[in-house]
């Protein structure tokens, strides 16, 4: 019986580890590639090669931004990127029952990747926010909100989620 319990625990842990690795890949590899132009979220072949599926563009005040998804339900990850002029933006949404641990891993990886800051603060409505940055040119920032901002994970109901906004500003 203990062997069966251990096997079940490993089976549950493996998908969680895969999802955690994919969230980190989205934040620290795919979004930077989308911002510097080495990955086009508007190119279905590039998106498919990265393991994502194109969806309807995200409508923003600056115009439509390509949007892609991976997974469904609690394992869903959404990425959208765009921008004009000297500023590029990329936003990642993720969540699920392991959301707190996923967000902790992203904050930890940001610090170990050279981002400064990361002190917890709150928006006016109480939403947790963490602000990280890398000095230099171009200036990079990572803002993490403890909410599924915009309802990207499930537009029909509130879900545990995190929104990470990366920006790359020239000059």
Protein backbone atom coordinates (compact mmCIF):
# COMPACT_ATOMS: atom_id res chain seq x y z
CA UNK A 1 0.00 0.00 0.00
CA UNK A 2 2.76 2.57 0.77
CA UNK A 3 4.23 1.95 -2.71
CA UNK A 4 0.85 2.73 -4.33
CA UNK A 5 0.57 5.97 -2.34
CA UNK A 6 4.11 6.97 -3.32
CA UNK A 7 3.38 6.20 -6.99
CA UNK A 8 0.21 8.31 -6.83
CA UNK A 9 2.11 11.18 -5.23
CA UNK A 10 4.73 11.06 -8.01
CA UNK A 11 2.01 10.94 -10.69
CA UNK A 12 0.39 14.07 -9.22
CA UNK A 13 3.75 15.83 -8.75
CA UNK A 14 4.92 15.30 -12.36
CA UNK A 15 2.15 17.40 -13.99
CA UNK A 16 2.64 20.09 -11.33
CA UNK A 17 6.39 20.16 -12.08
CA UNK A 18 5.67 20.33 -15.83
CA UNK A 19 3.26 23.23 -15.34
CA UNK A 20 5.71 25.06 -13.07
CA UNK A 21 8.48 24.65 -15.66
CA UNK A 22 6.17 25.89 -18.42
CA UNK A 23 5.16 28.98 -16.43
CA UNK A 24 8.84 29.82 -15.89
CA UNK A 25 9.56 29.19 -19.59
CA UNK A 26 6.72 31.55 -20.56
CA UNK A 27 7.97 34.32 -18.27
CA UNK A 28 11.72 34.02 -18.71
CA UNK A 29 12.14 32.64 -22.24
CA UNK A 30 9.07 33.07 -24.45
CA UNK A 31 8.05 36.59 -23.42
CA UNK A 32 11.59 38.00 -23.73
CA UNK A 33 11.83 36.35 -27.17
CA UNK A 34 8.48 37.91 -28.18
CA UNK A 35 9.64 41.33 -26.96
CA UNK A 36 12.98 41.24 -28.78
CA UNK A 37 11.42 39.91 -31.98
CA UNK A 38 12.98 36.44 -32.06
CA UNK A 39 9.51 34.88 -31.51
CA UNK A 40 6.43 36.18 -33.29
CA UNK A 41 3.19 35.39 -31.48
CA UNK A 42 1.44 36.32 -34.75
CA UNK A 43 3.14 33.46 -36.63
CA UNK A 44 1.13 30.23 -36.17
CA UNK A 45 4.13 28.03 -37.07
CA UNK A 46 6.41 29.68 -34.48
CA UNK A 47 3.65 29.55 -31.87
CA UNK A 48 2.99 25.84 -32.56
CA UNK A 49 6.73 25.08 -32.38
CA UNK A 50 6.74 26.67 -28.91
CA UNK A 51 3.81 24.42 -27.87
CA UNK A 52 1.11 27.11 -27.89
CA UNK A 53 -2.06 27.75 -29.88
CA UNK A 54 -2.98 31.14 -31.40
CA UNK A 55 -6.29 32.64 -30.25
CA UNK A 56 -8.16 35.85 -31.00
CA UNK A 57 -5.93 38.91 -30.52
CA UNK A 58 -6.19 40.74 -27.22
CA UNK A 59 -7.82 44.13 -27.71
CA UNK A 60 -5.84 46.90 -26.00
CA UNK A 61 -6.00 50.72 -26.17
CA UNK A 62 -2.84 50.52 -28.34
CA UNK A 63 -4.57 48.12 -30.75
CA UNK A 64 -4.75 44.33 -31.03
CA UNK A 65 -1.91 42.24 -29.58
CA UNK A 66 -1.38 38.61 -30.66
CA UNK A 67 -2.46 36.14 -27.96
CA UNK A 68 -1.61 32.45 -27.53
CA UNK A 69 -2.59 29.76 -25.04
CA UNK A 70 -1.31 26.46 -23.74
CA UNK A 71 -3.33 23.99 -21.70
CA UNK A 72 -6.85 24.19 -20.36
CA UNK A 73 -8.52 24.58 -17.01
CA UNK A 74 -6.14 25.15 -14.09
CA UNK A 75 -3.09 24.46 -16.28
CA UNK A 76 -3.95 27.17 -18.81
CA UNK A 77 -1.24 29.71 -19.62
CA UNK A 78 -1.99 32.76 -21.77
CA UNK A 79 0.65 35.01 -23.39
CA UNK A 80 0.05 38.26 -25.27
CA UNK A 81 2.70 40.65 -26.61
CA UNK A 82 2.92 43.91 -28.51
CA UNK A 83 3.93 47.51 -28.27
CA UNK A 84 5.07 50.38 -30.38
CA UNK A 85 8.00 52.71 -30.52
CA UNK A 86 10.58 52.15 -27.84
CA UNK A 87 8.41 50.09 -25.49
CA UNK A 88 7.49 46.42 -25.92
CA UNK A 89 5.13 44.61 -23.54
CA UNK A 90 4.43 40.96 -22.90
CA UNK A 91 1.83 39.67 -20.45
CA UNK A 92 1.49 36.16 -19.06
CA UNK A 93 -1.51 34.83 -17.14
CA UNK A 94 -1.36 31.61 -15.14
CA UNK A 95 -3.13 30.13 -12.17
CA UNK A 96 -4.82 27.12 -10.73
CA UNK A 97 -4.76 25.49 -7.32
CA UNK A 98 -0.94 25.73 -7.20
CA UNK A 99 -1.00 29.45 -8.08
CA UNK A 100 0.71 30.63 -4.88
CA UNK A 101 3.67 28.31 -5.34
CA UNK A 102 3.92 29.18 -9.04
CA UNK A 103 4.02 32.89 -8.21
CA UNK A 104 6.66 32.26 -5.51
CA UNK A 105 8.83 30.42 -8.07
CA UNK A 106 8.55 33.29 -10.57
CA UNK A 107 9.55 35.83 -7.89
CA UNK A 108 12.48 33.65 -6.84
CA UNK A 109 13.63 33.17 -10.42
CA UNK A 110 13.34 36.92 -11.09
CA UNK A 111 15.71 37.60 -8.20
CA UNK A 112 18.17 34.90 -9.30
CA UNK A 113 18.01 36.25 -12.88
CA UNK A 114 19.30 39.67 -11.85
CA UNK A 115 16.05 41.55 -11.33
CA UNK A 116 16.13 44.07 -8.48
CA UNK A 117 13.25 45.01 -6.20
CA UNK A 118 10.35 42.67 -5.67
CA UNK A 119 9.02 44.22 -2.48
CA UNK A 120 5.36 43.41 -1.91
CA UNK A 121 2.85 46.24 -2.18
CA UNK A 122 -0.87 46.49 -2.84
CA UNK A 123 -2.96 48.29 -5.40
CA UNK A 124 -5.85 50.48 -4.23
CA UNK A 125 -8.25 47.54 -4.35
CA UNK A 126 -5.92 45.37 -2.25
CA UNK A 127 -4.49 43.33 -5.13
CA UNK A 128 -0.95 42.15 -4.29
CA UNK A 129 1.74 43.60 -6.57
CA UNK A 130 5.48 42.99 -6.92
CA UNK A 131 7.68 45.28 -9.02
CA UNK A 132 11.07 44.07 -10.32
CA UNK A 133 13.49 45.72 -12.76
CA UNK A 134 16.87 45.37 -14.42
CA UNK A 135 18.79 48.63 -14.83
CA UNK A 136 20.54 49.54 -18.04
CA UNK A 137 19.60 50.03 -21.62
CA UNK A 138 17.23 48.63 -22.51
CA UNK A 139 15.46 48.83 -19.16
CA UNK A 140 13.51 45.69 -18.32
CA UNK A 141 10.75 45.48 -15.77
CA UNK A 142 8.60 42.67 -14.42
CA UNK A 143 5.38 43.51 -12.60
CA UNK A 144 3.47 40.69 -10.96
CA UNK A 145 -0.16 41.06 -9.89
CA UNK A 146 -1.81 38.47 -7.65
CA UNK A 147 -4.96 38.34 -9.77
CA UNK A 148 -6.18 37.11 -13.17
CA UNK A 149 -6.29 40.67 -14.52
CA UNK A 150 -8.68 40.88 -17.42
CA UNK A 151 -10.26 37.46 -16.89
CA UNK A 152 -7.91 35.79 -19.37
CA UNK A 153 -8.00 32.41 -17.62
CA UNK A 154 -11.79 32.24 -17.35
CA UNK A 155 -13.87 35.26 -18.41
CA UNK A 156 -16.99 33.78 -16.76
CA UNK A 157 -15.75 33.53 -13.18
CA UNK A 158 -12.99 34.62 -10.85
CA UNK A 159 -10.14 32.14 -10.73
CA UNK A 160 -6.98 32.04 -8.64
CA UNK A 161 -4.46 33.57 -10.97
CA UNK A 162 -1.39 35.68 -11.46
CA UNK A 163 -0.67 38.24 -14.15
CA UNK A 164 2.96 39.00 -15.02
CA UNK A 165 3.68 42.04 -17.19
CA UNK A 166 7.13 42.32 -18.73
CA UNK A 167 8.27 45.51 -20.43
CA UNK A 168 11.32 46.38 -22.46
CA UNK A 169 11.99 50.08 -22.88
CA UNK A 170 14.69 51.42 -25.19
CA UNK A 171 16.51 54.62 -24.27
